[in-house]
Amino acid sequence: MGEITEQEIQKYLTGSFGRELVLYDEIDSTNNAAKLLAKNGAPHGAAVIARRQTAGKGRLGRRFYSPAGSGIYLTAILRPEASVEQSILITSAAAVATARAIEEVSGVQVRIKWVNDLYLDGKKLCGILAESALRPDGGLAYLVVGIGVNVTSSAFPPEVADVATSLSAGTGRSIDRNRLIASVLNHLEAVYGQLASREFMKEYRERSCVIGREVRMIQGEHAEQATVLDIDEDARLIVRTADGIKTVSTGEVSLRGDFR
């Protein structure tokens, strides 16, 4: 598996996303770097990539394991003209785009676990984290979407070893990380164009691994059993609980026990 380089990534780019690119050998978090660049005027579609993260970010304050040579760690800077409400769909759009890219490069089909994880063979393959900043008038100044994909699985730490997987484990072969990064950016640009129409939500639902499943809904300190009935056009879960049918826009779901 070759080294990640700007030249190799840009060789595979087909659109404007990633044409302005900053590549770090090591950084705390690509999201942190992207937010600083965005604050200082980096354009829509610019990207930050790291060969290694020392403090990769996951949802709810979790860490994303990001060793050198084992994955792709990238963040795209977006400047949506959409409303703050519509921008919430960016995470779902990024999940669809990354799923398409993974299939394009590796040939394996991945599923989406609401709201921001990609799964392969029942284990977590990829995490996505969007962060935003508002203008003084309340509009969206910028949004960064971080995407981390496990490409090899040589050294998962014990706390995630039983719930995480990688593309090498799923395919039995090496994956070109430069091509995968470019493919993610290409597909993200395409799906971003569907933000207003929500066209990508059909595919998001088709790839879901929670619709029709019994899950454990976790919202802060509260957890309850639920059946996922559907996902609506705003990427909210429609669930049936002991209290009846309701729509859920925050929190997370666990498919078994304390499984994340």
Protein backbone atom coordinates (compact mmCIF):
# COMPACT_ATOMS: atom_id res chain seq x y z
CA MET A 1 0.00 0.00 0.00
CA GLY A 2 1.65 3.20 -1.20
CA GLU A 3 2.16 6.44 0.69
CA ILE A 4 -0.57 9.07 0.60
CA THR A 5 0.55 11.98 -1.58
CA GLU A 6 -1.15 15.09 -2.91
CA GLN A 7 -0.04 14.30 -6.47
CA GLU A 8 -1.55 10.81 -6.41
CA ILE A 9 -4.83 12.00 -4.89
CA GLN A 10 -5.30 14.76 -7.43
CA LYS A 11 -4.61 12.33 -10.26
CA TYR A 12 -7.97 10.69 -9.49
CA LEU A 13 -10.05 13.81 -8.84
CA THR A 14 -12.82 14.50 -11.34
CA GLY A 15 -14.44 17.64 -9.90
CA SER A 16 -13.53 20.71 -7.89
CA PHE A 17 -13.52 19.16 -4.40
CA GLY A 18 -9.97 18.53 -3.19
CA ARG A 19 -8.28 20.74 -5.76
CA GLU A 20 -7.16 22.87 -2.82
CA LEU A 21 -5.67 20.33 -0.46
CA VAL A 22 -3.53 20.41 2.67
CA LEU A 23 -1.75 17.18 3.58
CA TYR A 24 -0.23 16.63 7.03
CA ASP A 25 2.07 13.81 8.00
CA GLU A 26 0.68 14.05 11.54
CA ILE A 27 -1.90 16.28 13.18
CA ASP A 28 -4.22 16.17 16.17
CA SER A 29 -7.43 16.27 14.11
CA THR A 30 -8.18 17.06 10.48
CA ASN A 31 -11.46 18.64 11.64
CA ASN A 32 -9.56 21.05 13.90
CA ALA A 33 -7.23 22.03 11.07
CA ALA A 34 -10.13 22.40 8.62
CA LYS A 35 -12.07 24.66 10.99
CA LEU A 36 -9.06 26.95 11.33
CA LEU A 37 -8.60 27.06 7.55
CA ALA A 38 -12.32 27.71 7.03
CA LYS A 39 -12.25 30.53 9.59
CA ASN A 40 -9.40 32.07 7.61
CA GLY A 41 -11.27 31.89 4.30
CA ALA A 42 -10.50 28.49 2.76
CA PRO A 43 -12.87 27.88 -0.16
CA HIS A 44 -15.78 25.51 -0.51
CA GLY A 45 -14.48 22.03 -1.39
CA ALA A 46 -11.03 22.46 0.13
CA ALA A 47 -9.79 19.39 1.99
CA VAL A 48 -7.46 18.50 4.84
CA ILE A 49 -5.85 15.06 4.93
CA ALA A 50 -3.55 13.47 7.48
CA ARG A 51 -1.45 10.33 7.35
CA ARG A 52 -1.92 10.06 11.12
CA GLN A 53 -4.11 11.74 13.75
CA THR A 54 -3.11 11.93 17.38
CA ALA A 55 -6.58 13.00 18.58
CA GLY A 56 -9.04 11.91 15.91
CA LYS A 57 -12.61 12.88 16.74
CA GLY A 58 -15.73 10.74 16.96
CA ARG A 59 -19.25 11.65 18.00
CA LEU A 60 -20.15 12.37 21.62
CA GLY A 61 -16.55 13.12 22.56
CA ARG A 62 -15.22 9.74 21.54
CA ARG A 63 -11.81 9.27 19.93
CA PHE A 64 -11.32 7.88 16.43
CA TYR A 65 -8.31 5.56 16.29
CA SER A 66 -6.07 6.98 13.55
CA PRO A 67 -2.63 5.34 13.30
CA ALA A 68 -0.21 5.90 10.43
CA GLY A 69 -0.57 3.66 7.41
CA SER A 70 -3.89 2.18 8.52
CA GLY A 71 -6.64 4.42 7.20
CA ILE A 72 -7.75 7.55 5.44
CA TYR A 73 -8.43 10.60 7.56
CA LEU A 74 -9.87 13.55 5.68
CA THR A 75 -12.04 16.58 6.26
CA ALA A 76 -13.82 18.59 3.59
CA ILE A 77 -14.70 22.26 4.04
CA LEU A 78 -18.19 23.15 2.90
CA ARG A 79 -19.92 26.50 2.64
CA PRO A 80 -23.56 25.50 2.16
CA GLU A 81 -26.11 28.02 0.97
CA ALA A 82 -28.68 25.75 2.58
CA SER A 83 -30.44 26.55 5.81
CA VAL A 84 -29.01 25.41 9.12
CA GLU A 85 -31.81 22.81 9.19
CA GLN A 86 -30.85 21.45 5.77
CA SER A 87 -27.18 21.36 6.71
CA ILE A 88 -27.97 18.67 9.26
CA LEU A 89 -28.34 16.36 6.26
CA ILE A 90 -24.64 16.77 5.41
CA THR A 91 -23.70 13.81 7.60
CA SER A 92 -26.20 11.58 5.81
CA ALA A 93 -25.01 12.84 2.44
CA ALA A 94 -21.41 12.13 3.40
CA ALA A 95 -22.34 8.61 4.50
CA VAL A 96 -23.87 7.88 1.09
CA ALA A 97 -20.91 9.43 -0.74
CA THR A 98 -18.36 7.46 1.27
CA ALA A 99 -20.30 4.22 0.83
CA ARG A 100 -20.28 4.75 -2.94
CA ALA A 101 -16.55 5.50 -2.90
CA ILE A 102 -15.73 2.40 -0.87
CA GLU A 103 -17.69 0.20 -3.28
CA GLU A 104 -16.10 1.87 -6.28
CA VAL A 105 -12.56 1.29 -5.04
CA SER A 106 -12.89 -2.00 -3.14
CA GLY A 107 -15.97 -3.70 -4.60
CA VAL A 108 -17.56 -4.37 -1.19
CA GLN A 109 -21.02 -3.15 -0.23
CA VAL A 110 -21.30 -1.29 3.06
CA ARG A 111 -24.29 -0.42 5.23
CA ILE A 112 -25.15 2.72 7.17
CA LYS A 113 -25.88 2.64 10.89
CA TRP A 114 -27.80 5.79 11.78
CA VAL A 115 -26.60 8.37 11.87
CA ASN A 116 -22.94 8.51 10.89
CA ASP A 117 -21.24 5.10 10.80
CA LEU A 118 -20.56 2.74 7.90
CA TYR A 119 -20.58 -0.97 8.61
CA LEU A 120 -19.07 -3.96 6.84
CA ASP A 121 -19.98 -7.51 7.88
CA GLY A 122 -21.62 -6.19 11.04
CA LYS A 123 -18.62 -4.17 12.24
CA LYS A 124 -17.72 -0.49 12.10
CA LEU A 125 -15.63 0.49 9.10
CA CYS A 126 -15.99 4.25 8.96
CA GLY A 127 -16.99 7.18 11.14
CA ILE A 128 -18.22 10.60 10.02
CA LEU A 129 -18.33 13.79 12.08
CA ALA A 130 -19.68 17.14 10.87
CA GLU A 131 -19.01 20.36 12.79
CA SER A 132 -20.22 23.85 11.92
CA ALA A 133 -19.87 27.52 12.77
CA LEU A 134 -22.56 30.18 12.58
CA ARG A 135 -22.39 33.77 11.41
CA PRO A 136 -23.46 36.56 13.78
CA ASP A 137 -26.84 36.67 11.99
CA GLY A 138 -27.42 32.99 12.77
CA GLY A 139 -26.68 31.73 9.26
CA LEU A 140 -24.16 29.03 8.51
CA ALA A 141 -20.62 30.35 8.09
CA TYR A 142 -19.07 27.02 7.18
CA LEU A 143 -19.27 23.33 7.86
CA VAL A 144 -16.51 20.74 8.01
CA VAL A 145 -17.19 17.05 7.55
CA GLY A 146 -14.57 14.60 8.76
CA ILE A 147 -14.42 11.08 7.36
CA GLY A 148 -12.25 8.30 8.74
CA VAL A 149 -12.09 4.88 7.06
CA ASN A 150 -10.23 1.87 8.46
CA VAL A 151 -8.22 0.54 5.51
CA THR A 152 -6.06 -2.00 7.34
CA SER A 153 -6.59 -3.56 10.77
CA SER A 154 -3.15 -4.50 11.97
CA ALA A 155 -3.45 -2.98 15.43
CA PHE A 156 -6.92 -2.08 16.66
CA PRO A 157 -6.81 -1.26 20.39
CA PRO A 158 -8.55 -3.80 22.67
CA GLU A 159 -11.55 -1.57 23.36
CA VAL A 160 -12.62 -1.57 19.70
CA ALA A 161 -11.02 -4.75 18.34
CA ASP A 162 -14.26 -6.76 18.57
CA VAL A 163 -16.50 -4.13 16.97
CA ALA A 164 -14.26 -2.61 14.28
CA THR A 165 -13.18 -3.89 10.88
CA SER A 166 -11.21 -2.70 7.87
CA LEU A 167 -11.30 -2.87 4.10
CA SER A 168 -8.32 -5.22 4.04
CA ALA A 169 -10.14 -7.61 6.39
CA GLY A 170 -13.29 -7.41 4.28
CA THR A 171 -11.63 -7.82 0.89
CA GLY A 172 -8.45 -9.77 1.60
CA ARG A 173 -6.41 -7.34 -0.48
CA SER A 174 -4.70 -3.98 -0.26
CA ILE A 175 -6.55 -0.79 -1.13
CA ASP A 176 -5.13 2.29 -2.86
CA ARG A 177 -5.70 4.99 -0.24
CA ASN A 178 -5.00 7.83 -2.68
CA ARG A 179 -7.68 6.58 -5.02
CA LEU A 180 -10.11 6.06 -2.12
CA ILE A 181 -9.58 9.61 -0.83
CA ALA A 182 -10.18 11.03 -4.30
CA SER A 183 -13.26 8.87 -4.79
CA VAL A 184 -14.74 10.07 -1.47
CA LEU A 185 -14.22 13.69 -2.54
CA ASN A 186 -15.67 13.05 -6.00
CA HIS A 187 -18.79 11.40 -4.64
CA LEU A 188 -19.16 13.95 -1.85
CA GLU A 189 -19.27 16.71 -4.43
CA ALA A 190 -21.93 14.84 -6.42
CA VAL A 191 -24.12 14.06 -3.41
CA TYR A 192 -23.68 17.59 -2.02
CA GLY A 193 -25.45 18.79 -5.16
CA GLN A 194 -28.52 16.81 -4.04
CA LEU A 195 -28.77 18.47 -0.64
CA ALA A 196 -31.84 20.54 -1.51
CA SER A 197 -33.65 17.75 -3.38
CA ARG A 198 -32.73 15.09 -0.81
CA GLU A 199 -32.40 12.65 -3.71
CA PHE A 200 -29.67 10.75 -1.87
CA MET A 201 -31.99 9.90 1.03
CA LYS A 202 -33.51 7.02 -0.94
CA GLU A 203 -30.09 5.38 -1.11
CA TYR A 204 -29.43 6.25 2.54
CA ARG A 205 -32.53 4.28 3.53
CA GLU A 206 -31.69 1.38 1.20
CA ARG A 207 -28.25 1.08 2.81
CA SER A 208 -29.61 1.31 6.36
CA CYS A 209 -28.82 -1.55 8.71
CA VAL A 210 -31.30 -0.36 11.34
CA ILE A 211 -34.63 -0.13 9.51
CA GLY A 212 -36.82 -3.01 10.65
CA ARG A 213 -34.48 -3.85 13.52
CA GLU A 214 -34.92 -3.94 17.27
CA VAL A 215 -32.49 -1.41 18.70
CA ARG A 216 -31.54 0.29 21.92
CA MET A 217 -32.16 4.04 21.62
CA ILE A 218 -29.63 6.05 23.60
CA GLN A 219 -30.20 9.75 24.29
CA GLY A 220 -27.86 11.06 26.94
CA GLU A 221 -28.41 9.05 30.10
CA HIS A 222 -31.73 7.68 28.84
CA ALA A 223 -31.96 4.38 26.94
CA GLU A 224 -34.98 2.42 25.76
CA GLN A 225 -35.83 -0.44 23.45
CA ALA A 226 -37.35 0.51 20.10
CA THR A 227 -38.20 -0.86 16.68
CA VAL A 228 -36.96 1.28 13.78
CA LEU A 229 -39.82 1.69 11.32
CA ASP A 230 -38.24 4.09 8.82
CA ILE A 231 -35.98 7.09 8.27
CA ASP A 232 -37.67 10.27 7.02
CA GLU A 233 -36.51 12.84 4.47
CA ASP A 234 -34.75 14.81 7.20
CA ALA A 235 -32.73 11.72 8.23
CA ARG A 236 -34.73 11.34 11.45
CA LEU A 237 -35.55 7.90 12.81
CA ILE A 238 -39.17 6.86 13.04
CA VAL A 239 -39.38 4.35 15.88
CA ARG A 240 -41.94 2.44 17.87
CA THR A 241 -41.35 2.33 21.61
CA ALA A 242 -43.43 1.29 24.60
CA ASP A 243 -44.84 4.84 24.54
CA GLY A 244 -45.89 4.68 20.88
CA ILE A 245 -44.48 5.89 17.57
CA LYS A 246 -42.14 8.88 17.62
CA THR A 247 -39.55 10.68 15.53
CA VAL A 248 -35.96 10.90 16.79
CA SER A 249 -33.40 13.40 15.53
CA THR A 250 -30.64 13.12 18.16
CA GLY A 251 -28.86 10.36 20.02
CA GLU A 252 -27.63 7.02 18.74
CA VAL A 253 -28.72 3.44 18.33
CA SER A 254 -27.14 0.23 19.58
CA LEU A 255 -27.95 -3.01 17.78
CA ARG A 256 -27.09 -5.30 20.67
CA GLY A 257 -26.18 -4.82 24.31
CA ASP A 258 -23.71 -1.99 24.71
CA PHE A 259 -22.56 -2.38 21.08
CA ARG A 260 -21.68 0.92 19.43
